[in-house]
Amino acid sequence: MKHTLLIAVISLAALTACSQKSKFVEVRGAQFFIDDKPYYFLGTNLWYGCMLGRPGEAGNRPRLVAELDQLISMGINNLRVMGASEGLGLQDQIKPAIQPEPGVYDETLLQGLDFLLAEMGKRRMYAVVFLNNYWEWTGGMSQYTSWITGEEYPSPGDPRFTYWDLMKTSGRFYTNEKANELYCNYLRMLINRRNTITGLLYKDDLAIMAWQLANEPRPYPEEPNREQHFKDFSRWVDETAAFIKSLDPNHLVCTGNEGLGGCLWSEACYVESHQSEHIDYMTAHLWLLNWRWYDPLKAEETYPEAEKKALDYLQQHIAFAQKVGKPLTFEEFGIPRDLHAYSPDAPTTYRDRYLSTIFAAIYRSAKTGSAMAGSNFWGWGGLGQARDQETFVWQEGDDYTGDPPQEPQGRNSVFITDQSTIKILEKYAKLMNEL
């Protein structure tokens, strides 16, 4: 009788495990699947979710719950979120960081991530969790490099440093073995973490769709030894993705790379870095303002050509994904309000036009069965408000918006009051969900 009962318990556990496994987001060919059904999505970036999810006054759990409820009511069930931040919070960085010093972790922020994932799980939402950053706003690769070399962090917000100082310091991360050891120690800790709310190990959590190597990783930017830099980057992608897969065979892994714009405009680099057997799908980002394709102060003059370039860029990357045979997600794109205003009261005429165009193109391509699988527009500001209504600079204690702290708060954020934009999001989220 005891043996029969034990077998029944084991069988039930096996069935439960099998059932859970089937609900992880999977890749088959160039499509995502959940429970044997194709999964297409219109998602967003809510990078600051773990900051809101912190317990006590430091966080804002009521706001986070309200944001998630709003997003799910709009048909948005996929969120790209921050799962790592490093350093003591220099200029233009978020404060505090999850890892203020090597191997030291802020438990309140990790509990914030626990809460975010628990609440997403309740709503059948899926998180793409980025684990590092090429840019300064979370510390990222430059912080890991600085910890090992002892050199001062090259924040572009400090007048002693430039944008290129940061680019070169982050770019040296890929070949710094000791810096990568620190990074892998963090990965090991996080992926094996047990959620304090749900009791689930992160590697067993259905609310996680994918681990992302970093936010916008790209090769070292110097022209000399360009081909070697491409090889170093592809090797790092392959080895790091393999390491994550060794810790967690359940979840997908992706790069977080921008596409051509994050590969020094080299098709060979982009394709090769995504051909790794340990990378499950391809990513691309699209920044009309940053790439100087569009000037919001000369919108009528510059927008038509910028839109054409954007659509061409989208189609190029769909073709690359078709060639590699993996799904593609466009996970960062947006433009400022009219006349480059930051205030939530400013009109969004060109932004609405742009988002409608890109979402329509994504939907048309996905509907044909191409490799185009989903998008995460940048970014959701929701109920956030900038404290400083003159310069819109973020300081510790301010609301979080969709804009990281080194950028004006409100530049690319979609707020709850942007009703015309929200109607567009609802329309195309519904269409993608219906696929």
Protein backbone atom coordinates (compact mmCIF):
# COMPACT_ATOMS: atom_id res chain seq x y z
CA MET A 1 0.00 0.00 0.00
CA LYS A 2 2.83 2.36 0.92
CA HIS A 3 4.61 1.51 -2.33
CA THR A 4 1.41 2.10 -4.34
CA LEU A 5 0.93 5.46 -2.66
CA LEU A 6 4.57 6.40 -3.26
CA ILE A 7 4.29 5.47 -6.95
CA ALA A 8 1.11 7.54 -7.25
CA VAL A 9 2.83 10.52 -5.64
CA ILE A 10 5.87 10.16 -7.90
CA SER A 11 3.62 9.80 -10.96
CA LEU A 12 1.66 12.90 -9.98
CA ALA A 13 4.91 14.83 -9.48
CA ALA A 14 6.17 13.64 -12.87
CA LEU A 15 2.93 14.65 -14.56
CA THR A 16 3.06 18.04 -12.87
CA ALA A 17 6.67 18.54 -13.93
CA CYS A 18 5.81 17.47 -17.48
CA SER A 19 2.81 19.79 -17.54
CA GLN A 20 4.93 22.67 -16.26
CA LYS A 21 7.65 21.98 -18.77
CA SER A 22 5.16 22.16 -21.62
CA LYS A 23 4.18 25.68 -20.56
CA PHE A 24 7.63 27.18 -20.92
CA VAL A 25 7.96 29.30 -24.03
CA GLU A 26 9.60 27.12 -26.66
CA VAL A 27 11.11 27.66 -30.08
CA ARG A 28 10.19 25.41 -32.98
CA GLY A 29 11.79 26.46 -36.20
CA ALA A 30 11.27 30.20 -36.51
CA GLN A 31 8.26 30.43 -34.16
CA PHE A 32 7.55 30.61 -30.43
CA PHE A 33 5.13 28.13 -28.89
CA ILE A 34 3.38 27.77 -25.54
CA ASP A 35 1.39 24.58 -24.92
CA ASP A 36 1.68 23.61 -28.60
CA LYS A 37 0.12 26.92 -29.67
CA PRO A 38 2.00 29.64 -31.56
CA TYR A 39 2.93 32.57 -29.34
CA TYR A 40 3.01 36.06 -30.86
CA PHE A 41 3.07 39.22 -28.80
CA LEU A 42 3.15 42.97 -28.60
CA GLY A 43 5.09 43.69 -25.43
CA THR A 44 6.92 46.54 -23.79
CA ASN A 45 9.94 47.44 -21.69
CA LEU A 46 9.27 47.76 -17.96
CA TRP A 47 12.92 47.63 -16.95
CA TYR A 48 12.28 49.18 -13.52
CA GLY A 49 9.86 46.47 -12.32
CA CYS A 50 12.17 45.15 -9.59
CA MET A 51 12.67 48.69 -8.30
CA LEU A 52 8.92 49.11 -7.81
CA GLY A 53 8.63 45.60 -6.40
CA ARG A 54 10.92 46.22 -3.42
CA PRO A 55 9.29 45.70 -0.01
CA GLY A 56 8.52 48.69 2.18
CA GLU A 57 8.72 52.39 1.37
CA ALA A 58 11.70 51.93 -0.95
CA GLY A 59 9.44 50.28 -3.51
CA ASN A 60 5.95 50.94 -4.78
CA ARG A 61 4.14 47.64 -5.01
CA PRO A 62 0.67 49.18 -5.42
CA ARG A 63 1.91 51.05 -8.49
CA LEU A 64 3.52 47.91 -9.93
CA VAL A 65 0.31 45.91 -9.49
CA ALA A 66 -1.68 48.73 -11.12
CA GLU A 67 0.79 48.86 -14.03
CA LEU A 68 0.58 45.12 -14.63
CA ASP A 69 -3.22 45.21 -14.49
CA GLN A 70 -3.28 48.08 -16.98
CA LEU A 71 -0.91 46.33 -19.37
CA ILE A 72 -2.74 43.00 -19.27
CA SER A 73 -6.03 44.84 -19.91
CA MET A 74 -4.43 46.25 -23.07
CA GLY A 75 -3.43 42.76 -24.25
CA ILE A 76 0.25 43.22 -23.37
CA ASN A 77 1.65 40.11 -21.69
CA ASN A 78 5.38 40.26 -22.46
CA LEU A 79 7.76 42.50 -20.52
CA ARG A 80 11.46 43.09 -20.95
CA VAL A 81 12.84 43.72 -17.46
CA MET A 82 16.12 44.43 -15.68
CA GLY A 83 17.56 41.49 -13.78
CA ALA A 84 20.98 42.92 -12.95
CA SER A 85 22.62 46.21 -12.00
CA GLU A 86 26.07 46.91 -10.62
CA GLY A 87 28.05 49.53 -8.69
CA LEU A 88 27.53 52.23 -6.11
CA GLY A 89 25.43 54.51 -8.26
CA LEU A 90 27.60 57.05 -10.03
CA GLN A 91 26.22 59.88 -12.13
CA ASP A 92 23.60 58.76 -14.67
CA GLN A 93 23.12 55.39 -12.96
CA ILE A 94 20.15 53.97 -11.12
CA LYS A 95 20.48 53.78 -7.35
CA PRO A 96 20.72 51.43 -5.57
CA ALA A 97 22.15 48.54 -7.59
CA ILE A 98 21.37 44.86 -7.17
CA GLN A 99 25.13 44.13 -6.93
CA PRO A 100 26.75 47.20 -5.33
CA GLU A 101 30.10 45.41 -4.95
CA PRO A 102 31.43 42.16 -6.42
CA GLY A 103 29.55 39.25 -4.89
CA VAL A 104 27.46 41.51 -2.63
CA TYR A 105 23.73 41.49 -3.40
CA ASP A 106 20.93 43.80 -2.30
CA GLU A 107 18.30 41.37 -1.01
CA THR A 108 15.54 44.00 -1.09
CA LEU A 109 16.00 44.46 -4.84
CA LEU A 110 16.10 40.72 -5.40
CA GLN A 111 12.85 40.49 -3.43
CA GLY A 112 11.57 43.21 -5.75
CA LEU A 113 12.32 40.91 -8.67
CA ASP A 114 10.66 38.04 -6.78
CA PHE A 115 7.51 40.15 -6.40
CA LEU A 116 7.53 41.23 -10.05
CA LEU A 117 7.82 37.64 -11.30
CA ALA A 118 5.18 36.41 -8.84
CA GLU A 119 2.70 39.04 -9.99
CA MET A 120 3.49 38.40 -13.66
CA GLY A 121 2.96 34.69 -13.09
CA LYS A 122 -0.50 35.35 -11.66
CA ARG A 123 -1.42 37.14 -14.88
CA ARG A 124 0.26 34.68 -17.29
CA MET A 125 2.72 37.34 -18.35
CA TYR A 126 6.22 36.49 -19.60
CA ALA A 127 9.50 38.22 -18.72
CA VAL A 128 12.59 38.65 -20.84
CA VAL A 129 15.24 39.31 -18.17
CA PHE A 130 18.40 41.14 -19.21
CA LEU A 131 21.45 40.25 -17.12
CA ASN A 132 24.08 42.87 -17.98
CA ASN A 133 24.36 46.15 -19.88
CA TYR A 134 26.74 47.70 -22.38
CA TRP A 135 25.59 51.15 -21.22
CA GLU A 136 26.25 53.08 -18.04
CA TRP A 137 22.78 53.33 -16.54
CA THR A 138 22.93 50.00 -14.69
CA GLY A 139 26.72 49.78 -14.24
CA GLY A 140 27.07 46.84 -16.56
CA MET A 141 30.13 45.73 -18.49
CA SER A 142 32.16 48.84 -17.72
CA GLN A 143 31.58 48.28 -14.01
CA TYR A 144 32.75 44.67 -14.21
CA THR A 145 35.84 45.80 -16.13
CA SER A 146 36.54 48.60 -13.65
CA TRP A 147 36.21 46.24 -10.69
CA ILE A 148 38.93 44.03 -12.13
CA THR A 149 41.31 46.63 -13.55
CA GLY A 150 40.91 49.17 -10.75
CA GLU A 151 40.41 51.99 -13.25
CA GLU A 152 37.82 54.66 -12.56
CA TYR A 153 34.37 54.10 -14.01
CA PRO A 154 34.16 56.11 -17.27
CA SER A 155 30.71 57.64 -16.86
CA PRO A 156 29.92 59.96 -19.80
CA GLY A 157 28.05 62.11 -17.27
CA ASP A 158 31.43 62.94 -15.70
CA PRO A 159 33.14 65.73 -17.71
CA ARG A 160 36.47 63.91 -17.42
CA PHE A 161 35.14 61.10 -19.60
CA THR A 162 33.46 60.76 -22.97
CA TYR A 163 30.99 58.46 -24.65
CA TRP A 164 33.91 56.65 -26.31
CA ASP A 165 35.65 56.03 -22.99
CA LEU A 166 32.57 54.08 -21.90
CA MET A 167 32.32 52.25 -25.22
CA LYS A 168 35.93 51.08 -25.04
CA THR A 169 35.73 50.02 -21.39
CA SER A 170 32.55 48.01 -21.97
CA GLY A 171 34.05 46.60 -25.16
CA ARG A 172 37.05 45.20 -23.28
CA PHE A 173 34.72 43.17 -21.04
CA TYR A 174 34.38 40.30 -23.53
CA THR A 175 38.05 39.31 -23.30
CA ASN A 176 38.54 39.99 -19.58
CA GLU A 177 38.32 36.54 -17.99
CA LYS A 178 38.19 37.76 -14.40
CA ALA A 179 35.40 40.23 -15.18
CA ASN A 180 33.44 37.42 -16.78
CA GLU A 181 34.01 35.23 -13.74
CA LEU A 182 32.28 37.88 -11.62
CA TYR A 183 29.45 38.02 -14.15
CA CYS A 184 29.07 34.23 -14.20
CA ASN A 185 28.99 34.19 -10.40
CA TYR A 186 26.04 36.56 -10.57
CA LEU A 187 24.31 34.42 -13.20
CA ARG A 188 24.78 31.33 -11.06
CA MET A 189 23.28 33.07 -8.03
CA LEU A 190 20.29 34.54 -9.86
CA ILE A 191 19.28 31.56 -11.98
CA ASN A 192 19.42 29.28 -8.93
CA ARG A 193 17.60 31.76 -6.70
CA ARG A 194 14.43 30.62 -4.94
CA ASN A 195 11.64 33.16 -5.17
CA THR A 196 10.75 34.24 -1.63
CA ILE A 197 7.08 34.62 -2.59
CA THR A 198 6.30 31.66 -4.85
CA GLY A 199 8.96 29.25 -3.57
CA LEU A 200 9.98 28.52 -7.17
CA LEU A 201 13.57 28.43 -8.34
CA TYR A 202 14.00 31.03 -11.05
CA LYS A 203 15.12 28.31 -13.45
CA ASP A 204 11.73 26.61 -12.92
CA ASP A 205 9.58 29.74 -13.15
CA LEU A 206 7.07 29.80 -16.01
CA ALA A 207 6.85 33.60 -15.77
CA ILE A 208 10.33 33.85 -17.30
CA MET A 209 10.37 33.54 -21.08
CA ALA A 210 14.07 34.14 -21.64
CA TRP A 211 17.39 35.10 -20.15
CA GLN A 212 19.09 37.87 -22.11
CA LEU A 213 22.87 38.10 -22.05
CA ALA A 214 22.83 41.90 -21.80
CA ASN A 215 21.10 45.06 -22.83
CA GLU A 216 22.55 45.97 -26.24
CA PRO A 217 25.86 44.05 -26.18
CA ARG A 218 28.03 44.98 -29.16
CA PRO A 219 31.60 44.34 -30.32
CA TYR A 220 34.54 46.48 -29.23
CA PRO A 221 34.18 49.64 -31.31
CA GLU A 222 37.72 50.36 -32.55
CA GLU A 223 38.42 49.88 -36.24
CA PRO A 224 41.86 48.19 -35.88
CA ASN A 225 41.42 44.41 -35.61
CA ARG A 226 37.75 44.76 -36.51
CA GLU A 227 37.41 41.13 -37.56
CA GLN A 228 39.03 39.93 -34.35
CA HIS A 229 36.60 42.02 -32.32
CA PHE A 230 33.73 40.33 -34.15
CA LYS A 231 35.19 36.90 -33.32
CA ASP A 232 35.64 37.84 -29.66
CA PHE A 233 32.04 39.01 -29.49
CA SER A 234 30.61 35.87 -31.13
CA ARG A 235 32.74 33.65 -28.90
CA TRP A 236 31.50 35.48 -25.80
CA VAL A 237 27.88 35.13 -26.94
CA ASP A 238 28.29 31.40 -27.55
CA GLU A 239 30.15 30.63 -24.34
CA THR A 240 27.95 32.73 -22.08
CA ALA A 241 24.75 31.34 -23.58
CA ALA A 242 26.11 27.81 -23.15
CA PHE A 243 26.89 28.56 -19.50
CA ILE A 244 23.33 29.78 -18.89
CA LYS A 245 21.91 26.70 -20.62
CA SER A 246 24.05 24.50 -18.37
CA LEU A 247 22.39 26.12 -15.35
CA ASP A 248 18.88 26.25 -16.79
CA PRO A 249 17.71 24.04 -19.67
CA ASN A 250 14.10 25.25 -19.31
CA HIS A 251 14.29 28.82 -20.53
CA LEU A 252 15.19 30.44 -23.81
CA VAL A 253 18.38 32.49 -24.17
CA CYS A 254 18.86 35.51 -26.43
CA THR A 255 21.52 38.20 -26.89
CA GLY A 256 19.74 41.56 -26.47
CA ASN A 257 21.77 42.84 -29.43
CA GLU A 258 20.48 45.75 -31.55
CA GLY A 259 21.02 44.08 -34.91
CA LEU A 260 23.10 45.85 -37.55
CA GLY A 261 23.09 48.98 -35.40
CA GLY A 262 24.76 46.98 -32.63
CA CYS A 263 27.21 45.13 -34.86
CA LEU A 264 29.02 48.09 -36.42
CA TRP A 265 26.64 47.62 -39.37
CA SER A 266 28.20 44.26 -40.22
CA GLU A 267 25.78 41.63 -41.49
CA ALA A 268 28.40 38.92 -40.97
CA CYS A 269 28.85 39.85 -37.30
CA TYR A 270 25.12 39.95 -36.62
CA VAL A 271 24.38 36.64 -38.31
CA GLU A 272 27.39 34.81 -36.88
CA SER A 273 26.74 35.96 -33.30
CA HIS A 274 23.18 34.61 -33.51
CA GLN A 275 24.03 31.28 -35.11
CA SER A 276 25.17 29.77 -31.82
CA GLU A 277 23.18 26.64 -30.97
CA HIS A 278 22.72 28.10 -27.49
CA ILE A 279 20.95 31.25 -28.75
CA ASP A 280 17.28 30.48 -29.29
CA TYR A 281 16.09 33.60 -31.09
CA MET A 282 17.30 36.83 -32.62
CA THR A 283 16.79 40.38 -31.40
CA ALA A 284 16.98 43.83 -32.97
CA HIS A 285 16.48 47.43 -31.83
CA LEU A 286 15.57 50.49 -33.88
CA TRP A 287 16.48 54.05 -32.81
CA LEU A 288 15.63 56.75 -35.34
CA LEU A 289 16.68 59.62 -33.07
CA ASN A 290 19.91 58.09 -31.75
CA TRP A 291 21.00 57.09 -35.24
CA ARG A 292 20.22 60.58 -36.55
CA TRP A 293 17.66 59.38 -39.03
CA TYR A 294 14.96 61.57 -37.52
CA ASP A 295 14.93 65.08 -36.06
CA PRO A 296 11.75 65.83 -34.04
CA LEU A 297 12.47 69.56 -34.45
CA LYS A 298 12.27 69.04 -38.22
CA ALA A 299 9.68 66.29 -38.22
CA GLU A 300 7.88 67.16 -41.45
CA GLU A 301 11.20 67.27 -43.28
CA THR A 302 12.91 64.20 -41.78
CA TYR A 303 10.14 61.77 -40.82
CA PRO A 304 9.23 60.33 -44.26
CA GLU A 305 12.78 59.20 -45.02
CA ALA A 306 13.27 57.98 -41.44
CA GLU A 307 10.13 55.85 -41.69
CA LYS A 308 11.37 54.34 -44.94
CA LYS A 309 14.73 53.50 -43.36
CA ALA A 310 12.94 51.97 -40.36
CA LEU A 311 10.83 49.69 -42.54
CA ASP A 312 13.88 48.68 -44.56
CA TYR A 313 15.75 47.91 -41.33
CA LEU A 314 12.85 45.78 -40.12
CA GLN A 315 12.71 43.82 -43.36
CA GLN A 316 16.49 43.31 -43.38
CA HIS A 317 16.37 41.68 -39.97
CA ILE A 318 13.39 39.51 -40.85
CA ALA A 319 15.47 38.26 -43.78
CA PHE A 320 18.43 37.58 -41.50
CA ALA A 321 16.20 35.61 -39.13
CA GLN A 322 14.76 33.63 -42.04
CA LYS A 323 18.31 32.86 -43.13
CA VAL A 324 19.38 31.66 -39.66
CA GLY A 325 16.02 29.92 -39.08
CA LYS A 326 15.17 31.46 -35.71
CA PRO A 327 12.39 33.75 -34.46
CA LEU A 328 13.00 37.49 -34.34
CA THR A 329 11.78 40.05 -31.82
CA PHE A 330 12.04 43.82 -32.18
CA GLU A 331 12.53 44.74 -28.54
CA GLU A 332 13.41 48.44 -28.45
CA PHE A 333 11.95 51.20 -30.62
CA GLY A 334 10.29 54.53 -30.05
CA ILE A 335 10.57 58.24 -30.82
CA PRO A 336 10.04 61.42 -28.77
CA ARG A 337 6.90 63.50 -28.61
CA ASP A 338 6.32 66.28 -31.09
CA LEU A 339 9.04 68.94 -31.08
CA HIS A 340 11.12 66.73 -28.75
CA ALA A 341 9.01 67.73 -25.74
CA TYR A 342 9.19 65.68 -22.54
CA SER A 343 5.98 66.71 -20.83
CA PRO A 344 3.14 64.15 -20.74
CA ASP A 345 0.89 66.95 -21.99
CA ALA A 346 2.82 67.32 -25.26
CA PRO A 347 1.23 65.79 -28.40
CA THR A 348 2.36 62.45 -29.84
CA THR A 349 1.40 62.91 -33.50
CA TYR A 350 4.57 61.50 -35.05
CA ARG A 351 5.06 58.89 -32.36
CA ASP A 352 1.57 57.51 -33.01
CA ARG A 353 2.19 57.49 -36.73
CA TYR A 354 5.52 55.73 -36.27
CA LEU A 355 4.23 53.07 -33.87
CA SER A 356 1.22 52.37 -36.09
CA THR A 357 3.54 51.88 -39.06
CA ILE A 358 5.97 49.57 -37.28
CA PHE A 359 3.30 47.49 -35.54
CA ALA A 360 1.40 47.09 -38.80
CA ALA A 361 4.54 45.91 -40.58
CA ILE A 362 5.35 43.47 -37.77
CA TYR A 363 1.80 42.09 -37.81
CA ARG A 364 1.70 41.69 -41.60
CA SER A 365 4.99 39.81 -41.56
CA ALA A 366 4.04 37.58 -38.62
CA LYS A 367 0.71 36.78 -40.25
CA THR A 368 2.52 35.33 -43.27
CA GLY A 369 4.37 32.88 -41.02
CA SER A 370 7.73 34.63 -41.27
CA ALA A 371 10.35 34.65 -38.50
CA MET A 372 8.84 37.88 -37.10
CA ALA A 373 7.46 36.83 -33.72
CA GLY A 374 7.02 39.78 -31.39
CA SER A 375 7.96 43.25 -30.21
CA ASN A 376 8.66 45.22 -27.04
CA PHE A 377 8.26 48.94 -27.65
CA TRP A 378 10.30 51.37 -25.55
CA GLY A 379 9.05 52.10 -23.11
CA TRP A 380 6.20 51.95 -20.64
CA GLY A 381 6.10 54.97 -18.28
CA GLY A 382 2.59 54.25 -17.05
CA LEU A 383 1.80 56.12 -13.86
CA GLY A 384 5.29 57.61 -13.53
CA GLN A 385 5.90 61.36 -13.46
CA ALA A 386 9.10 63.36 -13.71
CA ARG A 387 9.77 65.37 -10.55
CA ASP A 388 11.88 68.00 -12.29
CA GLN A 389 9.61 69.73 -14.81
CA GLU A 390 12.44 71.95 -16.09
CA THR A 391 15.26 69.57 -17.02
CA PHE A 392 13.44 66.24 -16.49
CA VAL A 393 16.56 64.79 -14.83
CA TRP A 394 16.13 61.64 -12.73
CA GLN A 395 17.38 61.57 -9.13
CA GLU A 396 17.20 58.82 -6.54
CA GLY A 397 13.72 58.74 -5.03
CA ASP A 398 12.00 60.00 -8.19
CA ASP A 399 9.32 58.07 -10.01
CA TYR A 400 10.56 55.58 -12.58
CA THR A 401 9.46 56.19 -16.14
CA GLY A 402 10.31 54.31 -19.30
CA ASP A 403 13.46 56.41 -19.72
CA PRO A 404 16.70 55.35 -18.01
CA PRO A 405 18.34 57.89 -15.68
CA GLN A 406 20.92 59.19 -18.15
CA GLU A 407 18.14 60.40 -20.47
CA PRO A 408 15.46 63.08 -19.96
CA GLN A 409 12.48 61.59 -18.16
CA GLY A 410 9.61 61.52 -20.63
CA ARG A 411 11.62 61.40 -23.86
CA ASN A 412 10.42 57.99 -25.02
CA SER A 413 7.94 57.09 -22.28
CA VAL A 414 4.36 56.11 -23.01
CA PHE A 415 2.24 57.28 -20.07
CA ILE A 416 -1.19 56.18 -18.93
CA THR A 417 -2.54 59.54 -20.13
CA ASP A 418 -1.42 58.93 -23.75
CA GLN A 419 -4.82 57.71 -24.85
CA SER A 420 -4.22 57.93 -28.61
CA THR A 421 -1.06 55.85 -28.26
CA ILE A 422 -2.75 53.34 -25.97
CA LYS A 423 -5.49 52.77 -28.56
CA ILE A 424 -2.79 51.86 -31.08
CA LEU A 425 -1.16 49.48 -28.62
CA GLU A 426 -4.49 47.82 -27.84
CA LYS A 427 -5.32 47.41 -31.52
CA TYR A 428 -2.08 45.69 -32.47
CA ALA A 429 -1.75 43.70 -29.25
CA LYS A 430 -5.14 42.18 -30.01
CA LEU A 431 -4.10 41.35 -33.57
CA MET A 432 -0.84 39.73 -32.45
CA ASN A 433 -2.60 37.76 -29.71
CA GLU A 434 -5.13 36.47 -32.25
CA LEU A 435 -2.32 34.92 -34.29
